[in-house]
Amino acid sequence: MATALAELLEHHVTLEQLARAVRSGIPRKFVDDLASTLEMQPYALAPILRTSDRTLRRYEPDQLLPPDISEKALQIARVLERAIEVLENEKNAVGWLTDHNGALGAVPLQMLDSAFGAEQVLNVLGRIEDTVYS
């Protein structure tokens, strides 16, 4: 797992720290790291980030992304962190997030384009944690 993403997932940052990061923007490198962890190209995340791949390509790796894209990227990272907790390792979490889920009727990762979709994914992870089949 790449550095910026690993730091976020290992340090369990507070909501206040995440809010500050969203306001100031996160580096595009974070999206690159996130995509790498999810075993995909960074530009494949563009629809989930609610932007175009062309827009993402305009940013240099160290350049800060606007708040709306930063918030989506951090939301994906938080759900990934929760999936790793529940499913016990990164490989299981990535597989679960990128495969079709019957309980959701969709691929969990694709649902992370909205806060409501993320909440649904987190609810299913909670059911898994509580050993209710999902």
N, C-alpha and C. Protein backbone atom coordinates (compact mmCIF):
# COMPACT_ATOMS: atom_id res chain seq x y z
N MET A 1 0.86 -1.17 0.00
CA MET A 1 0.00 0.00 0.00
C MET A 1 0.90 1.23 0.00
N ALA A 2 0.56 2.19 -0.79
CA ALA A 2 1.40 3.39 -0.94
C ALA A 2 1.37 4.27 0.31
N THR A 3 2.34 5.14 0.43
CA THR A 3 2.59 5.89 1.66
C THR A 3 1.44 6.75 2.17
N ALA A 4 0.93 7.66 1.38
CA ALA A 4 -0.12 8.57 1.86
C ALA A 4 -1.35 7.80 2.30
N LEU A 5 -1.72 6.81 1.53
CA LEU A 5 -2.89 6.01 1.87
C LEU A 5 -2.60 5.17 3.11
N ALA A 6 -1.42 4.57 3.17
CA ALA A 6 -1.05 3.75 4.33
C ALA A 6 -1.08 4.58 5.61
N GLU A 7 -0.58 5.80 5.53
CA GLU A 7 -0.59 6.68 6.70
C GLU A 7 -2.02 6.93 7.17
N LEU A 8 -2.91 7.21 6.24
CA LEU A 8 -4.30 7.46 6.60
C LEU A 8 -4.90 6.23 7.27
N LEU A 9 -4.70 5.07 6.67
CA LEU A 9 -5.31 3.86 7.19
C LEU A 9 -4.68 3.39 8.49
N GLU A 10 -3.40 3.63 8.66
CA GLU A 10 -2.72 3.18 9.88
C GLU A 10 -2.95 4.11 11.06
N HIS A 11 -3.12 5.38 10.81
CA HIS A 11 -3.19 6.35 11.90
C HIS A 11 -4.60 6.66 12.37
N HIS A 12 -5.60 6.13 11.71
CA HIS A 12 -6.99 6.37 12.12
C HIS A 12 -7.22 7.84 12.45
N VAL A 13 -7.07 8.67 11.46
CA VAL A 13 -7.22 10.11 11.65
C VAL A 13 -8.65 10.45 12.08
N THR A 14 -8.79 11.58 12.72
CA THR A 14 -10.09 12.00 13.23
C THR A 14 -10.92 12.64 12.11
N LEU A 15 -12.20 12.78 12.37
CA LEU A 15 -13.07 13.45 11.41
C LEU A 15 -12.64 14.90 11.21
N GLU A 16 -12.16 15.52 12.27
CA GLU A 16 -11.68 16.90 12.16
C GLU A 16 -10.49 16.99 11.20
N GLN A 17 -9.56 16.04 11.31
CA GLN A 17 -8.40 16.02 10.43
C GLN A 17 -8.84 15.76 8.98
N LEU A 18 -9.81 14.87 8.80
CA LEU A 18 -10.30 14.60 7.45
C LEU A 18 -10.98 15.84 6.87
N ALA A 19 -11.76 16.53 7.68
CA ALA A 19 -12.44 17.74 7.21
C ALA A 19 -11.43 18.80 6.79
N ARG A 20 -10.36 18.95 7.56
CA ARG A 20 -9.31 19.90 7.20
C ARG A 20 -8.64 19.49 5.90
N ALA A 21 -8.39 18.20 5.74
CA ALA A 21 -7.76 17.70 4.51
C ALA A 21 -8.65 17.97 3.31
N VAL A 22 -9.95 17.80 3.47
CA VAL A 22 -10.88 18.06 2.37
C VAL A 22 -10.84 19.53 1.99
N ARG A 23 -10.87 20.39 2.98
CA ARG A 23 -10.88 21.84 2.71
C ARG A 23 -9.60 22.30 2.02
N SER A 24 -8.47 21.76 2.44
CA SER A 24 -7.20 22.19 1.84
C SER A 24 -6.90 21.43 0.56
N GLY A 25 -7.49 20.26 0.40
CA GLY A 25 -7.25 19.43 -0.78
C GLY A 25 -6.18 18.39 -0.49
N ILE A 26 -6.32 17.25 -1.11
CA ILE A 26 -5.31 16.19 -0.97
C ILE A 26 -4.54 16.09 -2.28
N PRO A 27 -3.30 15.65 -2.23
CA PRO A 27 -2.52 15.54 -3.47
C PRO A 27 -3.08 14.45 -4.38
N ARG A 28 -2.98 14.66 -5.68
CA ARG A 28 -3.44 13.65 -6.62
C ARG A 28 -2.75 12.32 -6.39
N LYS A 29 -1.55 12.34 -5.87
CA LYS A 29 -0.80 11.11 -5.56
C LYS A 29 -1.62 10.20 -4.66
N PHE A 30 -2.43 10.77 -3.77
CA PHE A 30 -3.28 9.97 -2.89
C PHE A 30 -4.25 9.13 -3.73
N VAL A 31 -4.82 9.73 -4.77
CA VAL A 31 -5.73 9.00 -5.67
C VAL A 31 -4.97 7.91 -6.40
N ASP A 32 -3.75 8.20 -6.82
CA ASP A 32 -2.91 7.19 -7.47
C ASP A 32 -2.67 6.01 -6.53
N ASP A 33 -2.34 6.31 -5.27
CA ASP A 33 -2.09 5.27 -4.28
C ASP A 33 -3.35 4.45 -4.01
N LEU A 34 -4.47 5.14 -3.91
CA LEU A 34 -5.75 4.48 -3.66
C LEU A 34 -6.09 3.52 -4.80
N ALA A 35 -5.92 4.00 -6.02
CA ALA A 35 -6.19 3.17 -7.20
C ALA A 35 -5.26 1.96 -7.23
N SER A 36 -4.01 2.17 -6.92
CA SER A 36 -3.05 1.08 -6.89
C SER A 36 -3.47 0.01 -5.88
N THR A 37 -3.88 0.44 -4.71
CA THR A 37 -4.34 -0.48 -3.68
C THR A 37 -5.56 -1.26 -4.16
N LEU A 38 -6.43 -0.58 -4.90
CA LEU A 38 -7.64 -1.22 -5.42
C LEU A 38 -7.37 -1.99 -6.72
N GLU A 39 -6.10 -2.04 -7.11
CA GLU A 39 -5.67 -2.78 -8.29
C GLU A 39 -6.34 -2.29 -9.57
N MET A 40 -6.34 -0.97 -9.73
CA MET A 40 -6.90 -0.36 -10.93
C MET A 40 -6.09 0.87 -11.31
N GLN A 41 -6.34 1.38 -12.49
CA GLN A 41 -5.70 2.60 -12.94
C GLN A 41 -6.36 3.80 -12.24
N PRO A 42 -5.58 4.83 -11.92
CA PRO A 42 -6.16 5.99 -11.23
C PRO A 42 -7.37 6.59 -11.96
N TYR A 43 -7.30 6.59 -13.26
CA TYR A 43 -8.37 7.24 -14.03
C TYR A 43 -9.66 6.42 -14.04
N ALA A 44 -9.57 5.14 -13.64
CA ALA A 44 -10.77 4.32 -13.51
C ALA A 44 -11.59 4.77 -12.30
N LEU A 45 -10.96 5.49 -11.39
CA LEU A 45 -11.69 6.02 -10.23
C LEU A 45 -12.45 7.30 -10.55
N ALA A 46 -12.17 7.92 -11.68
CA ALA A 46 -12.77 9.22 -12.01
C ALA A 46 -14.29 9.24 -11.87
N PRO A 47 -15.03 8.26 -12.41
CA PRO A 47 -16.50 8.32 -12.26
C PRO A 47 -16.95 8.27 -10.80
N ILE A 48 -16.24 7.51 -9.98
CA ILE A 48 -16.59 7.42 -8.57
C ILE A 48 -16.26 8.72 -7.84
N LEU A 49 -15.22 9.39 -8.31
CA LEU A 49 -14.83 10.69 -7.75
C LEU A 49 -15.69 11.83 -8.30
N ARG A 50 -16.58 11.47 -9.20
CA ARG A 50 -17.47 12.45 -9.85
C ARG A 50 -16.70 13.52 -10.61
N THR A 51 -15.73 13.04 -11.38
CA THR A 51 -14.95 13.92 -12.24
C THR A 51 -14.61 13.13 -13.50
N SER A 52 -13.92 13.76 -14.41
CA SER A 52 -13.51 13.05 -15.63
C SER A 52 -12.05 12.62 -15.51
N ASP A 53 -11.70 11.60 -16.26
CA ASP A 53 -10.30 11.17 -16.25
C ASP A 53 -9.43 12.30 -16.79
N ARG A 54 -9.95 13.07 -17.72
CA ARG A 54 -9.20 14.20 -18.27
C ARG A 54 -8.87 15.24 -17.19
N THR A 55 -9.82 15.50 -16.32
CA THR A 55 -9.59 16.44 -15.23
C THR A 55 -8.50 15.91 -14.30
N LEU A 56 -8.57 14.64 -13.94
CA LEU A 56 -7.54 14.05 -13.07
C LEU A 56 -6.16 14.13 -13.70
N ARG A 57 -6.10 13.90 -15.01
CA ARG A 57 -4.81 13.91 -15.70
C ARG A 57 -4.17 15.30 -15.69
N ARG A 58 -4.96 16.34 -15.54
CA ARG A 58 -4.42 17.70 -15.52
C ARG A 58 -3.59 17.99 -14.28
N TYR A 59 -3.83 17.24 -13.23
CA TYR A 59 -3.14 17.49 -11.96
C TYR A 59 -1.84 16.70 -11.90
N GLU A 60 -0.79 17.36 -11.46
CA GLU A 60 0.49 16.70 -11.19
C GLU A 60 0.32 15.90 -9.90
N PRO A 61 1.14 14.86 -9.70
CA PRO A 61 0.98 14.03 -8.49
C PRO A 61 1.01 14.80 -7.17
N ASP A 62 1.80 15.87 -7.08
CA ASP A 62 1.88 16.62 -5.83
C ASP A 62 0.89 17.79 -5.76
N GLN A 63 0.14 18.00 -6.82
CA GLN A 63 -0.82 19.10 -6.87
C GLN A 63 -2.08 18.72 -6.08
N LEU A 64 -2.62 19.70 -5.34
CA LEU A 64 -3.80 19.45 -4.51
C LEU A 64 -5.07 19.44 -5.35
N LEU A 65 -5.93 18.47 -5.07
CA LEU A 65 -7.21 18.34 -5.75
C LEU A 65 -8.24 19.25 -5.08
N PRO A 66 -9.28 19.63 -5.81
CA PRO A 66 -10.32 20.46 -5.21
C PRO A 66 -11.06 19.69 -4.11
N PRO A 67 -11.73 20.41 -3.22
CA PRO A 67 -12.42 19.78 -2.09
C PRO A 67 -13.40 18.67 -2.47
N ASP A 68 -14.17 18.84 -3.53
CA ASP A 68 -15.17 17.81 -3.87
C ASP A 68 -14.50 16.48 -4.24
N ILE A 69 -13.44 16.52 -5.01
CA ILE A 69 -12.73 15.31 -5.39
C ILE A 69 -11.97 14.74 -4.18
N SER A 70 -11.39 15.61 -3.38
CA SER A 70 -10.68 15.18 -2.18
C SER A 70 -11.62 14.44 -1.24
N GLU A 71 -12.82 14.97 -1.07
CA GLU A 71 -13.79 14.34 -0.17
C GLU A 71 -14.17 12.94 -0.65
N LYS A 72 -14.41 12.79 -1.93
CA LYS A 72 -14.76 11.48 -2.49
C LYS A 72 -13.60 10.49 -2.30
N ALA A 73 -12.38 10.93 -2.56
CA ALA A 73 -11.22 10.04 -2.42
C ALA A 73 -11.07 9.60 -0.97
N LEU A 74 -11.24 10.52 -0.04
CA LEU A 74 -11.13 10.16 1.37
C LEU A 74 -12.28 9.25 1.81
N GLN A 75 -13.44 9.46 1.22
CA GLN A 75 -14.58 8.58 1.52
C GLN A 75 -14.28 7.15 1.07
N ILE A 76 -13.72 7.00 -0.11
CA ILE A 76 -13.34 5.67 -0.61
C ILE A 76 -12.31 5.05 0.32
N ALA A 77 -11.32 5.83 0.73
CA ALA A 77 -10.27 5.32 1.62
C ALA A 77 -10.84 4.88 2.96
N ARG A 78 -11.79 5.62 3.49
CA ARG A 78 -12.40 5.24 4.77
C ARG A 78 -13.19 3.96 4.63
N VAL A 79 -13.90 3.78 3.54
CA VAL A 79 -14.65 2.54 3.33
C VAL A 79 -13.67 1.38 3.15
N LEU A 80 -12.59 1.62 2.42
CA LEU A 80 -11.56 0.59 2.26
C LEU A 80 -11.00 0.21 3.64
N GLU A 81 -10.73 1.20 4.46
CA GLU A 81 -10.21 0.93 5.81
C GLU A 81 -11.19 0.05 6.58
N ARG A 82 -12.46 0.36 6.51
CA ARG A 82 -13.50 -0.42 7.22
C ARG A 82 -13.57 -1.83 6.66
N ALA A 83 -13.49 -1.97 5.35
CA ALA A 83 -13.54 -3.29 4.72
C ALA A 83 -12.34 -4.14 5.17
N ILE A 84 -11.17 -3.52 5.27
CA ILE A 84 -9.99 -4.25 5.74
C ILE A 84 -10.20 -4.73 7.18
N GLU A 85 -10.77 -3.87 8.02
CA GLU A 85 -11.07 -4.26 9.40
C GLU A 85 -12.00 -5.46 9.46
N VAL A 86 -13.09 -5.38 8.72
CA VAL A 86 -14.14 -6.40 8.78
C VAL A 86 -13.68 -7.70 8.11
N LEU A 87 -13.03 -7.57 6.96
CA LEU A 87 -12.67 -8.76 6.16
C LEU A 87 -11.26 -9.26 6.46
N GLU A 88 -10.60 -8.60 7.41
CA GLU A 88 -9.35 -9.05 8.01
C GLU A 88 -8.07 -8.88 7.21
N ASN A 89 -8.16 -8.52 5.94
CA ASN A 89 -6.93 -8.19 5.22
C ASN A 89 -7.26 -7.42 3.95
N GLU A 90 -6.23 -6.80 3.40
CA GLU A 90 -6.40 -5.94 2.23
C GLU A 90 -6.89 -6.70 1.01
N LYS A 91 -6.35 -7.89 0.79
CA LYS A 91 -6.74 -8.68 -0.38
C LYS A 91 -8.24 -9.00 -0.36
N ASN A 92 -8.73 -9.46 0.78
CA ASN A 92 -10.16 -9.76 0.90
C ASN A 92 -11.01 -8.50 0.71
N ALA A 93 -10.55 -7.40 1.30
CA ALA A 93 -11.30 -6.14 1.21
C ALA A 93 -11.39 -5.64 -0.23
N VAL A 94 -10.27 -5.68 -0.94
CA VAL A 94 -10.25 -5.22 -2.33
C VAL A 94 -11.15 -6.11 -3.18
N GLY A 95 -11.06 -7.42 -2.98
CA GLY A 95 -11.92 -8.34 -3.72
C GLY A 95 -13.39 -8.07 -3.47
N TRP A 96 -13.74 -7.85 -2.22
CA TRP A 96 -15.13 -7.60 -1.86
C TRP A 96 -15.63 -6.28 -2.47
N LEU A 97 -14.79 -5.26 -2.42
CA LEU A 97 -15.19 -3.95 -2.94
C LEU A 97 -15.32 -3.92 -4.45
N THR A 98 -14.59 -4.78 -5.14
CA THR A 98 -14.57 -4.72 -6.61
C THR A 98 -15.40 -5.81 -7.29
N ASP A 99 -16.02 -6.69 -6.52
CA ASP A 99 -16.88 -7.73 -7.09
C ASP A 99 -18.35 -7.39 -6.83
N HIS A 100 -19.21 -7.89 -7.68
CA HIS A 100 -20.65 -7.69 -7.51
C HIS A 100 -21.08 -8.27 -6.17
N ASN A 101 -21.92 -7.53 -5.46
CA ASN A 101 -22.43 -7.97 -4.17
C ASN A 101 -23.94 -8.14 -4.27
N GLY A 102 -24.42 -9.33 -3.97
CA GLY A 102 -25.85 -9.62 -4.06
C GLY A 102 -26.70 -8.79 -3.12
N ALA A 103 -26.21 -8.56 -1.91
CA ALA A 103 -26.98 -7.78 -0.93
C ALA A 103 -27.16 -6.34 -1.39
N LEU A 104 -26.19 -5.83 -2.10
CA LEU A 104 -26.27 -4.45 -2.59
C LEU A 104 -26.85 -4.37 -4.00
N GLY A 105 -26.76 -5.48 -4.72
CA GLY A 105 -27.21 -5.48 -6.10
C GLY A 105 -26.30 -4.67 -7.00
N ALA A 106 -25.06 -4.52 -6.58
CA ALA A 106 -24.10 -3.70 -7.33
C ALA A 106 -22.69 -4.03 -6.85
N VAL A 107 -21.72 -3.43 -7.51
CA VAL A 107 -20.33 -3.51 -7.07
C VAL A 107 -20.15 -2.44 -6.00
N PRO A 108 -19.76 -2.81 -4.77
CA PRO A 108 -19.66 -1.82 -3.70
C PRO A 108 -18.84 -0.58 -4.06
N LEU A 109 -17.70 -0.76 -4.70
CA LEU A 109 -16.86 0.39 -5.06
C LEU A 109 -17.61 1.39 -5.91
N GLN A 110 -18.42 0.93 -6.84
CA GLN A 110 -19.16 1.83 -7.72
C GLN A 110 -20.22 2.62 -6.96
N MET A 111 -20.64 2.11 -5.82
CA MET A 111 -21.65 2.81 -5.02
C MET A 111 -21.07 3.96 -4.21
N LEU A 112 -19.74 4.05 -4.17
CA LEU A 112 -19.09 5.07 -3.34
C LEU A 112 -19.06 6.45 -3.99
N ASP A 113 -19.80 6.62 -5.08
CA ASP A 113 -19.87 7.93 -5.73
C ASP A 113 -20.82 8.88 -5.01
N SER A 114 -21.52 8.38 -3.98
CA SER A 114 -22.39 9.25 -3.19
C SER A 114 -22.28 8.85 -1.72
N ALA A 115 -22.61 9.79 -0.85
CA ALA A 115 -22.58 9.50 0.59
C ALA A 115 -23.60 8.44 0.94
N PHE A 116 -24.74 8.43 0.24
CA PHE A 116 -25.77 7.45 0.52
C PHE A 116 -25.34 6.04 0.10
N GLY A 117 -24.67 5.95 -1.03
CA GLY A 117 -24.14 4.67 -1.47
C GLY A 117 -23.07 4.17 -0.50
N ALA A 118 -22.21 5.07 -0.05
CA ALA A 118 -21.17 4.69 0.92
C ALA A 118 -21.82 4.18 2.20
N GLU A 119 -22.89 4.82 2.62
CA GLU A 119 -23.59 4.39 3.83
C GLU A 119 -24.16 2.98 3.65
N GLN A 120 -24.71 2.70 2.46
CA GLN A 120 -25.23 1.35 2.19
C GLN A 120 -24.10 0.32 2.28
N VAL A 121 -22.96 0.63 1.69
CA VAL A 121 -21.81 -0.28 1.70
C VAL A 121 -21.36 -0.49 3.14
N LEU A 122 -21.27 0.56 3.91
CA LEU A 122 -20.86 0.44 5.31
C LEU A 122 -21.87 -0.38 6.12
N ASN A 123 -23.14 -0.24 5.81
CA ASN A 123 -24.17 -1.03 6.49
C ASN A 123 -23.98 -2.52 6.23
N VAL A 124 -23.70 -2.88 4.98
CA VAL A 124 -23.47 -4.29 4.65
C VAL A 124 -22.21 -4.79 5.35
N LEU A 125 -21.16 -3.98 5.39
CA LEU A 125 -19.96 -4.38 6.12
C LEU A 125 -20.28 -4.60 7.60
N GLY A 126 -21.14 -3.78 8.15
CA GLY A 126 -21.57 -3.96 9.54
C GLY A 126 -22.31 -5.27 9.73
N ARG A 127 -23.15 -5.61 8.77
CA ARG A 127 -23.87 -6.89 8.84
C ARG A 127 -22.90 -8.06 8.75
N ILE A 128 -21.90 -7.94 7.90
CA ILE A 128 -20.88 -8.99 7.80
C ILE A 128 -20.16 -9.12 9.13
N GLU A 129 -19.79 -8.00 9.69
CA GLU A 129 -19.09 -8.01 10.98
C GLU A 129 -19.93 -8.67 12.07
N ASP A 130 -21.23 -8.44 12.01
CA ASP A 130 -22.15 -9.03 12.99
C ASP A 130 -22.56 -10.45 12.58
N THR A 131 -21.90 -10.98 11.57
CA THR A 131 -22.11 -12.35 11.04
C THR A 131 -23.49 -12.59 10.44
N VAL A 132 -24.09 -11.56 9.93
CA VAL A 132 -25.32 -11.70 9.15
C VAL A 132 -24.88 -11.84 7.71
N TYR A 133 -25.32 -12.86 7.00
CA TYR A 133 -24.88 -13.09 5.63
C TYR A 133 -25.23 -11.91 4.75
N SER A 134 -24.25 -11.44 3.97
CA SER A 134 -24.47 -10.35 3.00
C SER A 134 -23.78 -10.69 1.72
